[in-house]
N, C-alpha and C. Protein backbone atom coordinates (compact mmCIF):
# COMPACT_ATOMS: atom_id res chain seq x y z
N MET A 1 -20.82 -8.77 9.07
CA MET A 1 -20.09 -7.58 9.46
C MET A 1 -18.60 -7.72 9.14
N TRP A 2 -18.03 -8.92 9.30
CA TRP A 2 -16.61 -9.13 9.04
C TRP A 2 -16.33 -9.33 7.58
N ARG A 3 -17.29 -9.91 6.86
CA ARG A 3 -17.09 -10.29 5.46
C ARG A 3 -17.75 -9.28 4.53
N ASN A 4 -17.25 -9.24 3.30
CA ASN A 4 -17.84 -8.38 2.27
C ASN A 4 -19.16 -8.96 1.80
N THR A 5 -19.98 -8.08 1.27
CA THR A 5 -21.20 -8.49 0.58
C THR A 5 -21.19 -7.81 -0.79
N ARG A 6 -22.17 -8.08 -1.60
CA ARG A 6 -22.26 -7.41 -2.90
C ARG A 6 -22.65 -5.94 -2.74
N THR A 7 -23.09 -5.55 -1.54
CA THR A 7 -23.49 -4.15 -1.32
C THR A 7 -22.51 -3.36 -0.46
N GLY A 8 -21.56 -4.04 0.20
CA GLY A 8 -20.64 -3.29 1.05
C GLY A 8 -19.43 -4.08 1.48
N TRP A 9 -18.45 -3.36 1.99
CA TRP A 9 -17.20 -3.95 2.47
C TRP A 9 -17.37 -4.42 3.90
N GLY A 10 -16.72 -5.50 4.23
CA GLY A 10 -16.72 -6.01 5.60
C GLY A 10 -15.63 -5.36 6.42
N LEU A 11 -15.67 -5.62 7.70
CA LEU A 11 -14.73 -5.00 8.63
C LEU A 11 -13.28 -5.38 8.34
N ILE A 12 -13.02 -6.60 7.89
CA ILE A 12 -11.64 -7.01 7.60
C ILE A 12 -11.11 -6.21 6.41
N SER A 13 -11.87 -6.11 5.34
CA SER A 13 -11.43 -5.34 4.17
C SER A 13 -11.23 -3.87 4.52
N MET A 14 -12.16 -3.33 5.29
CA MET A 14 -12.06 -1.92 5.67
C MET A 14 -10.82 -1.68 6.54
N SER A 15 -10.59 -2.56 7.50
CA SER A 15 -9.43 -2.40 8.39
C SER A 15 -8.13 -2.48 7.61
N LEU A 16 -8.03 -3.47 6.72
CA LEU A 16 -6.82 -3.59 5.91
C LEU A 16 -6.63 -2.38 5.01
N HIS A 17 -7.72 -1.85 4.46
CA HIS A 17 -7.64 -0.67 3.59
C HIS A 17 -7.10 0.54 4.34
N TRP A 18 -7.71 0.87 5.48
CA TRP A 18 -7.32 2.08 6.21
C TRP A 18 -5.96 1.94 6.87
N LEU A 19 -5.66 0.76 7.39
CA LEU A 19 -4.34 0.53 7.97
C LEU A 19 -3.26 0.65 6.89
N SER A 20 -3.50 0.05 5.74
CA SER A 20 -2.56 0.15 4.63
C SER A 20 -2.38 1.61 4.21
N ALA A 21 -3.46 2.34 4.11
CA ALA A 21 -3.37 3.75 3.70
C ALA A 21 -2.48 4.55 4.65
N LEU A 22 -2.70 4.38 5.94
CA LEU A 22 -1.89 5.10 6.93
C LEU A 22 -0.42 4.69 6.86
N VAL A 23 -0.18 3.39 6.74
CA VAL A 23 1.20 2.90 6.69
C VAL A 23 1.90 3.35 5.42
N ILE A 24 1.21 3.31 4.30
CA ILE A 24 1.82 3.72 3.02
C ILE A 24 2.22 5.19 3.06
N VAL A 25 1.33 6.04 3.52
CA VAL A 25 1.66 7.47 3.62
C VAL A 25 2.79 7.67 4.62
N GLY A 26 2.72 6.99 5.75
CA GLY A 26 3.78 7.10 6.76
C GLY A 26 5.14 6.65 6.23
N LEU A 27 5.16 5.53 5.50
CA LEU A 27 6.42 5.05 4.93
C LEU A 27 6.96 6.01 3.89
N PHE A 28 6.07 6.59 3.09
CA PHE A 28 6.52 7.55 2.09
C PHE A 28 7.18 8.76 2.77
N LEU A 29 6.51 9.29 3.79
CA LEU A 29 7.06 10.45 4.50
C LEU A 29 8.36 10.09 5.23
N LEU A 30 8.40 8.93 5.85
CA LEU A 30 9.63 8.49 6.52
C LEU A 30 10.76 8.31 5.51
N GLY A 31 10.46 7.69 4.37
CA GLY A 31 11.48 7.49 3.34
C GLY A 31 12.01 8.81 2.81
N TRP A 32 11.12 9.74 2.57
CA TRP A 32 11.53 11.05 2.06
C TRP A 32 12.40 11.76 3.10
N TRP A 33 11.98 11.72 4.35
CA TRP A 33 12.73 12.38 5.43
C TRP A 33 14.10 11.75 5.60
N MET A 34 14.17 10.41 5.57
CA MET A 34 15.44 9.76 5.91
C MET A 34 16.48 9.91 4.80
N THR A 35 16.06 10.21 3.58
CA THR A 35 17.05 10.41 2.51
C THR A 35 17.85 11.68 2.73
N GLY A 36 17.37 12.57 3.57
CA GLY A 36 18.10 13.80 3.86
C GLY A 36 18.95 13.73 5.12
N LEU A 37 18.99 12.59 5.77
CA LEU A 37 19.76 12.46 7.01
C LEU A 37 21.25 12.41 6.72
N GLY A 38 22.03 13.05 7.56
CA GLY A 38 23.48 13.00 7.46
C GLY A 38 24.02 11.75 8.15
N TYR A 39 25.23 11.39 7.79
CA TYR A 39 25.86 10.17 8.31
C TYR A 39 25.93 10.16 9.84
N PHE A 40 26.13 11.30 10.44
CA PHE A 40 26.27 11.36 11.89
C PHE A 40 24.96 11.61 12.62
N ASP A 41 23.87 11.67 11.89
CA ASP A 41 22.55 11.83 12.50
C ASP A 41 22.21 10.55 13.27
N PRO A 42 21.67 10.67 14.48
CA PRO A 42 21.33 9.47 15.26
C PRO A 42 20.30 8.57 14.55
N TRP A 43 19.50 9.13 13.65
CA TRP A 43 18.48 8.35 12.93
C TRP A 43 19.00 7.75 11.63
N TYR A 44 20.27 7.98 11.30
CA TYR A 44 20.82 7.52 10.02
C TYR A 44 20.65 6.00 9.81
N ASN A 45 20.85 5.22 10.84
CA ASN A 45 20.66 3.77 10.76
C ASN A 45 19.29 3.33 11.28
N ARG A 46 18.77 4.04 12.25
CA ARG A 46 17.50 3.65 12.88
C ARG A 46 16.31 3.86 11.94
N ALA A 47 16.25 4.95 11.21
CA ALA A 47 15.11 5.22 10.32
C ALA A 47 14.98 4.18 9.21
N PRO A 48 16.06 3.80 8.51
CA PRO A 48 15.91 2.73 7.51
C PRO A 48 15.49 1.39 8.12
N TRP A 49 15.94 1.11 9.35
CA TRP A 49 15.54 -0.12 10.03
C TRP A 49 14.02 -0.14 10.23
N TRP A 50 13.47 0.97 10.69
CA TRP A 50 12.02 1.10 10.86
C TRP A 50 11.32 0.99 9.50
N HIS A 51 11.85 1.69 8.51
CA HIS A 51 11.26 1.72 7.17
C HIS A 51 11.20 0.31 6.58
N ARG A 52 12.31 -0.41 6.67
CA ARG A 52 12.35 -1.79 6.14
C ARG A 52 11.42 -2.71 6.92
N SER A 53 11.45 -2.64 8.23
CA SER A 53 10.63 -3.52 9.06
C SER A 53 9.14 -3.31 8.79
N ILE A 54 8.72 -2.07 8.79
CA ILE A 54 7.31 -1.77 8.53
C ILE A 54 6.95 -2.14 7.09
N GLY A 55 7.87 -1.90 6.17
CA GLY A 55 7.63 -2.25 4.77
C GLY A 55 7.41 -3.75 4.57
N ILE A 56 8.18 -4.58 5.24
CA ILE A 56 8.00 -6.03 5.14
C ILE A 56 6.66 -6.44 5.73
N LEU A 57 6.29 -5.86 6.87
CA LEU A 57 4.98 -6.17 7.45
C LEU A 57 3.86 -5.72 6.53
N LEU A 58 4.04 -4.58 5.87
CA LEU A 58 3.05 -4.11 4.89
C LEU A 58 2.96 -5.08 3.71
N LEU A 59 4.09 -5.62 3.28
CA LEU A 59 4.07 -6.60 2.19
C LEU A 59 3.22 -7.81 2.60
N PHE A 60 3.42 -8.33 3.80
CA PHE A 60 2.62 -9.47 4.27
C PHE A 60 1.13 -9.08 4.36
N ALA A 61 0.85 -7.89 4.87
CA ALA A 61 -0.55 -7.44 4.97
C ALA A 61 -1.17 -7.28 3.58
N THR A 62 -0.37 -6.81 2.62
CA THR A 62 -0.87 -6.63 1.26
C THR A 62 -1.17 -7.98 0.61
N LEU A 63 -0.31 -8.96 0.83
CA LEU A 63 -0.57 -10.30 0.29
C LEU A 63 -1.82 -10.90 0.93
N LEU A 64 -1.99 -10.69 2.24
CA LEU A 64 -3.21 -11.12 2.93
C LEU A 64 -4.42 -10.40 2.34
N ARG A 65 -4.28 -9.11 2.14
CA ARG A 65 -5.38 -8.31 1.59
C ARG A 65 -5.77 -8.78 0.19
N LEU A 66 -4.79 -9.08 -0.65
CA LEU A 66 -5.08 -9.59 -1.99
C LEU A 66 -5.77 -10.94 -1.93
N ALA A 67 -5.30 -11.83 -1.05
CA ALA A 67 -5.95 -13.14 -0.91
C ALA A 67 -7.38 -12.98 -0.42
N TRP A 68 -7.58 -12.09 0.56
CA TRP A 68 -8.92 -11.83 1.09
C TRP A 68 -9.82 -11.27 0.00
N ARG A 69 -9.29 -10.38 -0.80
CA ARG A 69 -10.08 -9.76 -1.87
C ARG A 69 -10.48 -10.79 -2.93
N LEU A 70 -9.60 -11.74 -3.21
CA LEU A 70 -9.93 -12.79 -4.18
C LEU A 70 -10.98 -13.76 -3.62
N TRP A 71 -10.97 -13.95 -2.32
CA TRP A 71 -11.85 -14.91 -1.68
C TRP A 71 -13.23 -14.32 -1.40
N GLN A 72 -13.30 -13.02 -1.20
CA GLN A 72 -14.53 -12.35 -0.82
C GLN A 72 -15.21 -11.70 -2.03
N PRO A 73 -16.53 -11.53 -1.97
CA PRO A 73 -17.20 -10.79 -3.04
C PRO A 73 -16.78 -9.32 -3.01
N THR A 74 -16.81 -8.70 -4.16
CA THR A 74 -16.50 -7.28 -4.25
C THR A 74 -17.81 -6.51 -4.38
N PRO A 75 -18.02 -5.52 -3.54
CA PRO A 75 -19.25 -4.72 -3.66
C PRO A 75 -19.35 -4.09 -5.05
N GLN A 76 -20.57 -4.01 -5.52
CA GLN A 76 -20.80 -3.45 -6.84
C GLN A 76 -20.40 -1.98 -6.87
N ALA A 77 -19.63 -1.62 -7.90
CA ALA A 77 -19.13 -0.24 -8.03
C ALA A 77 -20.26 0.70 -8.42
N ARG A 78 -20.12 1.94 -8.03
CA ARG A 78 -21.09 3.00 -8.35
C ARG A 78 -20.55 3.83 -9.52
N GLY A 79 -21.44 4.59 -10.15
CA GLY A 79 -21.02 5.52 -11.19
C GLY A 79 -21.30 5.01 -12.59
N SER A 80 -20.89 5.82 -13.54
CA SER A 80 -21.09 5.49 -14.96
C SER A 80 -20.17 4.32 -15.35
N ARG A 81 -20.37 3.81 -16.53
CA ARG A 81 -19.53 2.71 -17.02
C ARG A 81 -18.07 3.14 -17.04
N PHE A 82 -17.81 4.36 -17.49
CA PHE A 82 -16.44 4.89 -17.52
C PHE A 82 -15.86 4.97 -16.11
N GLU A 83 -16.65 5.46 -15.15
CA GLU A 83 -16.16 5.58 -13.77
C GLU A 83 -15.87 4.21 -13.17
N ARG A 84 -16.71 3.23 -13.45
CA ARG A 84 -16.48 1.88 -12.93
C ARG A 84 -15.22 1.28 -13.53
N LEU A 85 -15.00 1.49 -14.83
CA LEU A 85 -13.79 0.99 -15.48
C LEU A 85 -12.55 1.70 -14.92
N ALA A 86 -12.64 3.02 -14.78
CA ALA A 86 -11.52 3.79 -14.22
C ALA A 86 -11.22 3.34 -12.79
N ALA A 87 -12.25 3.08 -12.01
CA ALA A 87 -12.05 2.62 -10.63
C ALA A 87 -11.36 1.26 -10.62
N HIS A 88 -11.79 0.36 -11.47
CA HIS A 88 -11.18 -0.97 -11.53
C HIS A 88 -9.71 -0.86 -11.94
N LEU A 89 -9.43 -0.12 -13.01
CA LEU A 89 -8.05 0.05 -13.46
C LEU A 89 -7.21 0.76 -12.40
N GLY A 90 -7.80 1.76 -11.75
CA GLY A 90 -7.08 2.47 -10.68
C GLY A 90 -6.72 1.56 -9.53
N HIS A 91 -7.63 0.70 -9.12
CA HIS A 91 -7.33 -0.24 -8.03
C HIS A 91 -6.25 -1.23 -8.43
N VAL A 92 -6.33 -1.74 -9.65
CA VAL A 92 -5.29 -2.66 -10.13
C VAL A 92 -3.94 -1.95 -10.12
N LEU A 93 -3.89 -0.73 -10.63
CA LEU A 93 -2.64 0.02 -10.68
C LEU A 93 -2.12 0.34 -9.28
N LEU A 94 -3.02 0.63 -8.33
CA LEU A 94 -2.59 0.86 -6.95
C LEU A 94 -1.88 -0.37 -6.40
N TYR A 95 -2.47 -1.54 -6.61
CA TYR A 95 -1.84 -2.77 -6.12
C TYR A 95 -0.52 -3.04 -6.83
N VAL A 96 -0.48 -2.84 -8.15
CA VAL A 96 0.76 -3.07 -8.91
C VAL A 96 1.87 -2.14 -8.40
N LEU A 97 1.56 -0.86 -8.28
CA LEU A 97 2.56 0.10 -7.80
C LEU A 97 3.01 -0.25 -6.37
N LEU A 98 2.07 -0.62 -5.54
CA LEU A 98 2.40 -0.97 -4.16
C LEU A 98 3.37 -2.15 -4.14
N LEU A 99 3.11 -3.17 -4.94
CA LEU A 99 4.00 -4.32 -5.00
C LEU A 99 5.36 -3.95 -5.59
N VAL A 100 5.38 -3.09 -6.61
CA VAL A 100 6.65 -2.65 -7.20
C VAL A 100 7.47 -1.88 -6.16
N VAL A 101 6.81 -1.01 -5.41
CA VAL A 101 7.52 -0.25 -4.37
C VAL A 101 8.13 -1.20 -3.34
N MET A 102 7.34 -2.16 -2.90
CA MET A 102 7.85 -3.06 -1.85
C MET A 102 8.92 -4.01 -2.38
N LEU A 103 8.75 -4.53 -3.57
CA LEU A 103 9.76 -5.43 -4.13
C LEU A 103 11.06 -4.69 -4.45
N SER A 104 10.96 -3.46 -4.95
CA SER A 104 12.18 -2.69 -5.20
C SER A 104 12.87 -2.33 -3.89
N GLY A 105 12.09 -2.04 -2.85
CA GLY A 105 12.68 -1.81 -1.53
C GLY A 105 13.41 -3.03 -1.01
N TYR A 106 12.82 -4.19 -1.23
CA TYR A 106 13.47 -5.46 -0.87
C TYR A 106 14.80 -5.60 -1.61
N LEU A 107 14.80 -5.28 -2.92
CA LEU A 107 16.02 -5.42 -3.72
C LEU A 107 17.10 -4.43 -3.30
N ILE A 108 16.71 -3.24 -2.85
CA ILE A 108 17.69 -2.28 -2.32
C ILE A 108 18.34 -2.89 -1.07
N SER A 109 17.50 -3.37 -0.18
CA SER A 109 17.96 -3.84 1.13
C SER A 109 18.78 -5.12 1.06
N THR A 110 18.56 -5.93 0.06
CA THR A 110 19.25 -7.22 -0.04
C THR A 110 20.36 -7.21 -1.08
N ALA A 111 20.69 -6.06 -1.63
CA ALA A 111 21.68 -5.97 -2.71
C ALA A 111 23.03 -6.54 -2.32
N ARG A 112 23.41 -6.42 -1.06
CA ARG A 112 24.72 -6.91 -0.61
C ARG A 112 24.66 -8.32 -0.03
N GLY A 113 23.52 -8.98 -0.19
CA GLY A 113 23.41 -10.37 0.25
C GLY A 113 22.95 -10.57 1.68
N ARG A 114 22.65 -9.48 2.38
CA ARG A 114 22.15 -9.59 3.76
C ARG A 114 20.63 -9.60 3.75
N GLY A 115 20.05 -10.40 4.66
CA GLY A 115 18.60 -10.43 4.80
C GLY A 115 18.09 -9.17 5.48
N ILE A 116 16.79 -9.09 5.62
CA ILE A 116 16.16 -7.93 6.25
C ILE A 116 15.62 -8.35 7.62
N SER A 117 16.14 -7.73 8.65
CA SER A 117 15.65 -7.96 10.01
C SER A 117 14.36 -7.17 10.19
N VAL A 118 13.33 -7.86 10.62
CA VAL A 118 12.04 -7.20 10.85
C VAL A 118 11.85 -7.04 12.35
N PHE A 119 12.17 -5.85 12.84
CA PHE A 119 12.09 -5.50 14.26
C PHE A 119 12.83 -6.51 15.15
N ASP A 120 13.84 -7.15 14.61
CA ASP A 120 14.60 -8.19 15.32
C ASP A 120 13.72 -9.38 15.74
N TRP A 121 12.53 -9.52 15.15
CA TRP A 121 11.65 -10.66 15.42
C TRP A 121 12.02 -11.84 14.54
N PHE A 122 12.29 -11.55 13.26
CA PHE A 122 12.66 -12.59 12.30
C PHE A 122 13.39 -11.90 11.16
N GLU A 123 14.00 -12.70 10.30
CA GLU A 123 14.74 -12.15 9.17
C GLU A 123 14.17 -12.70 7.86
N VAL A 124 14.00 -11.80 6.91
CA VAL A 124 13.60 -12.19 5.56
C VAL A 124 14.90 -12.37 4.77
N PRO A 125 15.13 -13.56 4.23
CA PRO A 125 16.42 -13.82 3.56
C PRO A 125 16.59 -13.03 2.27
N ALA A 126 17.85 -12.84 1.92
CA ALA A 126 18.21 -12.18 0.65
C ALA A 126 18.20 -13.24 -0.44
N LEU A 127 17.10 -13.34 -1.15
CA LEU A 127 16.98 -14.34 -2.21
C LEU A 127 17.60 -13.87 -3.52
N ILE A 128 17.61 -12.56 -3.72
CA ILE A 128 18.21 -11.97 -4.92
C ILE A 128 19.21 -10.92 -4.46
N SER A 129 20.48 -11.08 -4.87
CA SER A 129 21.49 -10.11 -4.44
C SER A 129 22.64 -10.11 -5.43
N HIS A 130 23.50 -9.12 -5.28
CA HIS A 130 24.74 -8.98 -6.05
C HIS A 130 24.51 -8.85 -7.56
N LEU A 131 23.34 -8.37 -7.96
CA LEU A 131 23.13 -8.07 -9.38
C LEU A 131 23.86 -6.77 -9.70
N PRO A 132 24.29 -6.56 -10.94
CA PRO A 132 24.98 -5.31 -11.28
C PRO A 132 24.09 -4.09 -10.99
N ASN A 133 24.61 -3.18 -10.21
CA ASN A 133 23.92 -1.92 -9.86
C ASN A 133 22.55 -2.17 -9.22
N GLN A 134 22.39 -3.27 -8.52
CA GLN A 134 21.10 -3.64 -7.96
C GLN A 134 20.52 -2.55 -7.07
N ALA A 135 21.30 -2.06 -6.13
CA ALA A 135 20.77 -1.06 -5.18
C ALA A 135 20.43 0.24 -5.90
N ALA A 136 21.26 0.67 -6.83
CA ALA A 136 21.02 1.94 -7.53
C ALA A 136 19.78 1.86 -8.42
N ILE A 137 19.67 0.79 -9.19
CA ILE A 137 18.52 0.64 -10.08
C ILE A 137 17.24 0.45 -9.28
N ALA A 138 17.30 -0.42 -8.27
CA ALA A 138 16.12 -0.63 -7.43
C ALA A 138 15.74 0.65 -6.68
N GLY A 139 16.75 1.44 -6.30
CA GLY A 139 16.48 2.71 -5.62
C GLY A 139 15.71 3.69 -6.50
N GLU A 140 16.11 3.78 -7.77
CA GLU A 140 15.38 4.65 -8.72
C GLU A 140 13.94 4.16 -8.89
N ILE A 141 13.79 2.86 -9.09
CA ILE A 141 12.44 2.29 -9.25
C ILE A 141 11.61 2.53 -7.99
N HIS A 142 12.24 2.35 -6.84
CA HIS A 142 11.56 2.53 -5.55
C HIS A 142 11.04 3.96 -5.41
N TRP A 143 11.88 4.92 -5.68
CA TRP A 143 11.49 6.33 -5.52
C TRP A 143 10.38 6.71 -6.49
N TYR A 144 10.56 6.43 -7.77
CA TYR A 144 9.57 6.88 -8.76
C TYR A 144 8.26 6.11 -8.66
N SER A 145 8.31 4.84 -8.31
CA SER A 145 7.06 4.10 -8.14
C SER A 145 6.34 4.55 -6.86
N ALA A 146 7.10 4.90 -5.81
CA ALA A 146 6.48 5.43 -4.58
C ALA A 146 5.82 6.77 -4.86
N LEU A 147 6.49 7.61 -5.63
CA LEU A 147 5.91 8.90 -6.00
C LEU A 147 4.65 8.71 -6.83
N ALA A 148 4.69 7.80 -7.80
CA ALA A 148 3.51 7.50 -8.61
C ALA A 148 2.38 6.95 -7.74
N LEU A 149 2.74 6.11 -6.77
CA LEU A 149 1.74 5.55 -5.85
C LEU A 149 1.06 6.66 -5.06
N MET A 150 1.82 7.63 -4.58
CA MET A 150 1.25 8.74 -3.82
C MET A 150 0.31 9.58 -4.69
N LEU A 151 0.72 9.82 -5.94
CA LEU A 151 -0.13 10.60 -6.84
C LEU A 151 -1.43 9.85 -7.16
N LEU A 152 -1.32 8.56 -7.42
CA LEU A 152 -2.51 7.77 -7.70
C LEU A 152 -3.40 7.66 -6.46
N ALA A 153 -2.79 7.54 -5.29
CA ALA A 153 -3.57 7.50 -4.05
C ALA A 153 -4.31 8.81 -3.83
N ALA A 154 -3.68 9.93 -4.18
CA ALA A 154 -4.36 11.23 -4.08
C ALA A 154 -5.56 11.27 -5.02
N GLY A 155 -5.39 10.73 -6.22
CA GLY A 155 -6.52 10.64 -7.16
C GLY A 155 -7.62 9.75 -6.61
N HIS A 156 -7.24 8.68 -5.94
CA HIS A 156 -8.20 7.76 -5.31
C HIS A 156 -9.02 8.50 -4.25
N VAL A 157 -8.35 9.29 -3.44
CA VAL A 157 -9.04 10.08 -2.41
C VAL A 157 -9.98 11.09 -3.06
N LEU A 158 -9.50 11.79 -4.08
CA LEU A 158 -10.34 12.78 -4.76
C LEU A 158 -11.57 12.12 -5.39
N ALA A 159 -11.40 10.94 -5.97
CA ALA A 159 -12.53 10.23 -6.57
C ALA A 159 -13.55 9.85 -5.49
N ALA A 160 -13.07 9.39 -4.32
CA ALA A 160 -13.98 9.04 -3.24
C ALA A 160 -14.75 10.27 -2.75
N LEU A 161 -14.05 11.40 -2.64
CA LEU A 161 -14.71 12.64 -2.22
C LEU A 161 -15.70 13.13 -3.27
N LYS A 162 -15.37 12.97 -4.53
CA LYS A 162 -16.29 13.34 -5.62
C LYS A 162 -17.57 12.51 -5.53
N HIS A 163 -17.41 11.19 -5.30
CA HIS A 163 -18.59 10.34 -5.15
C HIS A 163 -19.44 10.79 -3.97
N HIS A 164 -18.79 11.19 -2.89
CA HIS A 164 -19.52 11.55 -1.67
C HIS A 164 -20.21 12.92 -1.80
N PHE A 165 -19.46 13.92 -2.26
CA PHE A 165 -20.00 15.29 -2.24
C PHE A 165 -20.68 15.72 -3.54
N VAL A 166 -20.25 15.19 -4.67
CA VAL A 166 -20.85 15.59 -5.95
C VAL A 166 -21.94 14.60 -6.36
N ASN A 167 -21.59 13.33 -6.43
CA ASN A 167 -22.57 12.32 -6.84
C ASN A 167 -23.57 12.00 -5.72
N ARG A 168 -23.14 12.23 -4.49
CA ARG A 168 -23.95 11.94 -3.30
C ARG A 168 -24.39 10.47 -3.25
N ASP A 169 -23.44 9.59 -3.60
CA ASP A 169 -23.72 8.16 -3.48
C ASP A 169 -22.97 7.61 -2.26
N ASP A 170 -23.09 6.33 -2.03
CA ASP A 170 -22.54 5.76 -0.79
C ASP A 170 -21.17 5.11 -0.96
N THR A 171 -20.43 5.47 -2.01
CA THR A 171 -19.12 4.87 -2.25
C THR A 171 -18.20 5.04 -1.05
N LEU A 172 -18.05 6.25 -0.56
CA LEU A 172 -17.17 6.49 0.60
C LEU A 172 -17.76 5.90 1.87
N ALA A 173 -19.05 6.05 2.06
CA ALA A 173 -19.70 5.51 3.27
C ALA A 173 -19.52 4.00 3.38
N ARG A 174 -19.48 3.31 2.24
CA ARG A 174 -19.30 1.85 2.27
C ARG A 174 -17.91 1.46 2.77
N MET A 175 -16.93 2.36 2.67
CA MET A 175 -15.59 2.05 3.17
C MET A 175 -15.41 2.55 4.60
N LEU A 176 -16.42 3.19 5.14
CA LEU A 176 -16.35 3.69 6.52
C LEU A 176 -17.23 2.92 7.49
N THR A 177 -18.24 2.22 6.98
CA THR A 177 -19.19 1.50 7.82
C THR A 177 -19.32 0.08 7.31
N PRO A 178 -19.12 -0.92 8.18
CA PRO A 178 -19.23 -2.31 7.72
C PRO A 178 -20.57 -2.61 7.05
N ALA A 179 -20.54 -3.54 6.11
CA ALA A 179 -21.68 -3.85 5.25
C ALA A 179 -22.97 -4.11 6.02
N ARG A 180 -22.95 -4.96 7.01
CA ARG A 180 -24.18 -5.34 7.68
C ARG A 180 -24.61 -4.32 8.74
N ALA A 181 -23.74 -3.38 9.07
CA ALA A 181 -24.08 -2.36 10.05
C ALA A 181 -24.85 -1.21 9.42
N ARG A 182 -24.71 -1.07 8.08
CA ARG A 182 -25.40 0.03 7.39
C ARG A 182 -26.79 -0.42 6.98
N ARG A 183 -27.65 0.55 6.81
CA ARG A 183 -28.98 0.26 6.23
C ARG A 183 -28.83 0.28 4.73
N HIS A 184 -29.41 -0.71 4.09
CA HIS A 184 -29.27 -0.81 2.63
C HIS A 184 -30.44 -0.18 1.93
């Protein structure tokens, strides 16, 4: 139930998937909202603090998720050869974009040489800072890669719904019910 099988996802993979999905969408919406805040808005400093803190925790969860995915079997993909290839490439691109978004966010936050406080629990040090135009360049990369991530995630959702309602296969059901809890 906790681990993946060749026929389905385990509870750990499913939990990391859905938690990541909620956090990614939430961070995108928070980031979009906070860019419109005025200097005297009470959330002007608080919203980026939340955004950075949650983003760092998401980075750790994503690294855990990648390690778990490498260690666990991957359920066999459904669909035609083209659909399986597209799904594989789409998943790789989702992870790449997610890492680009988080690393560019890190570079924005550490551009002046200060670390990132994560909910005042601990600080992630500024390992890379003071590069020419670091915050501006990383900011552009952060925005456009986050936008691309949202578009690709929407395609991911549409593909899952297509598998469920058009193909009538168990692709979506496998991400909603742990492997050993479902009937095979």
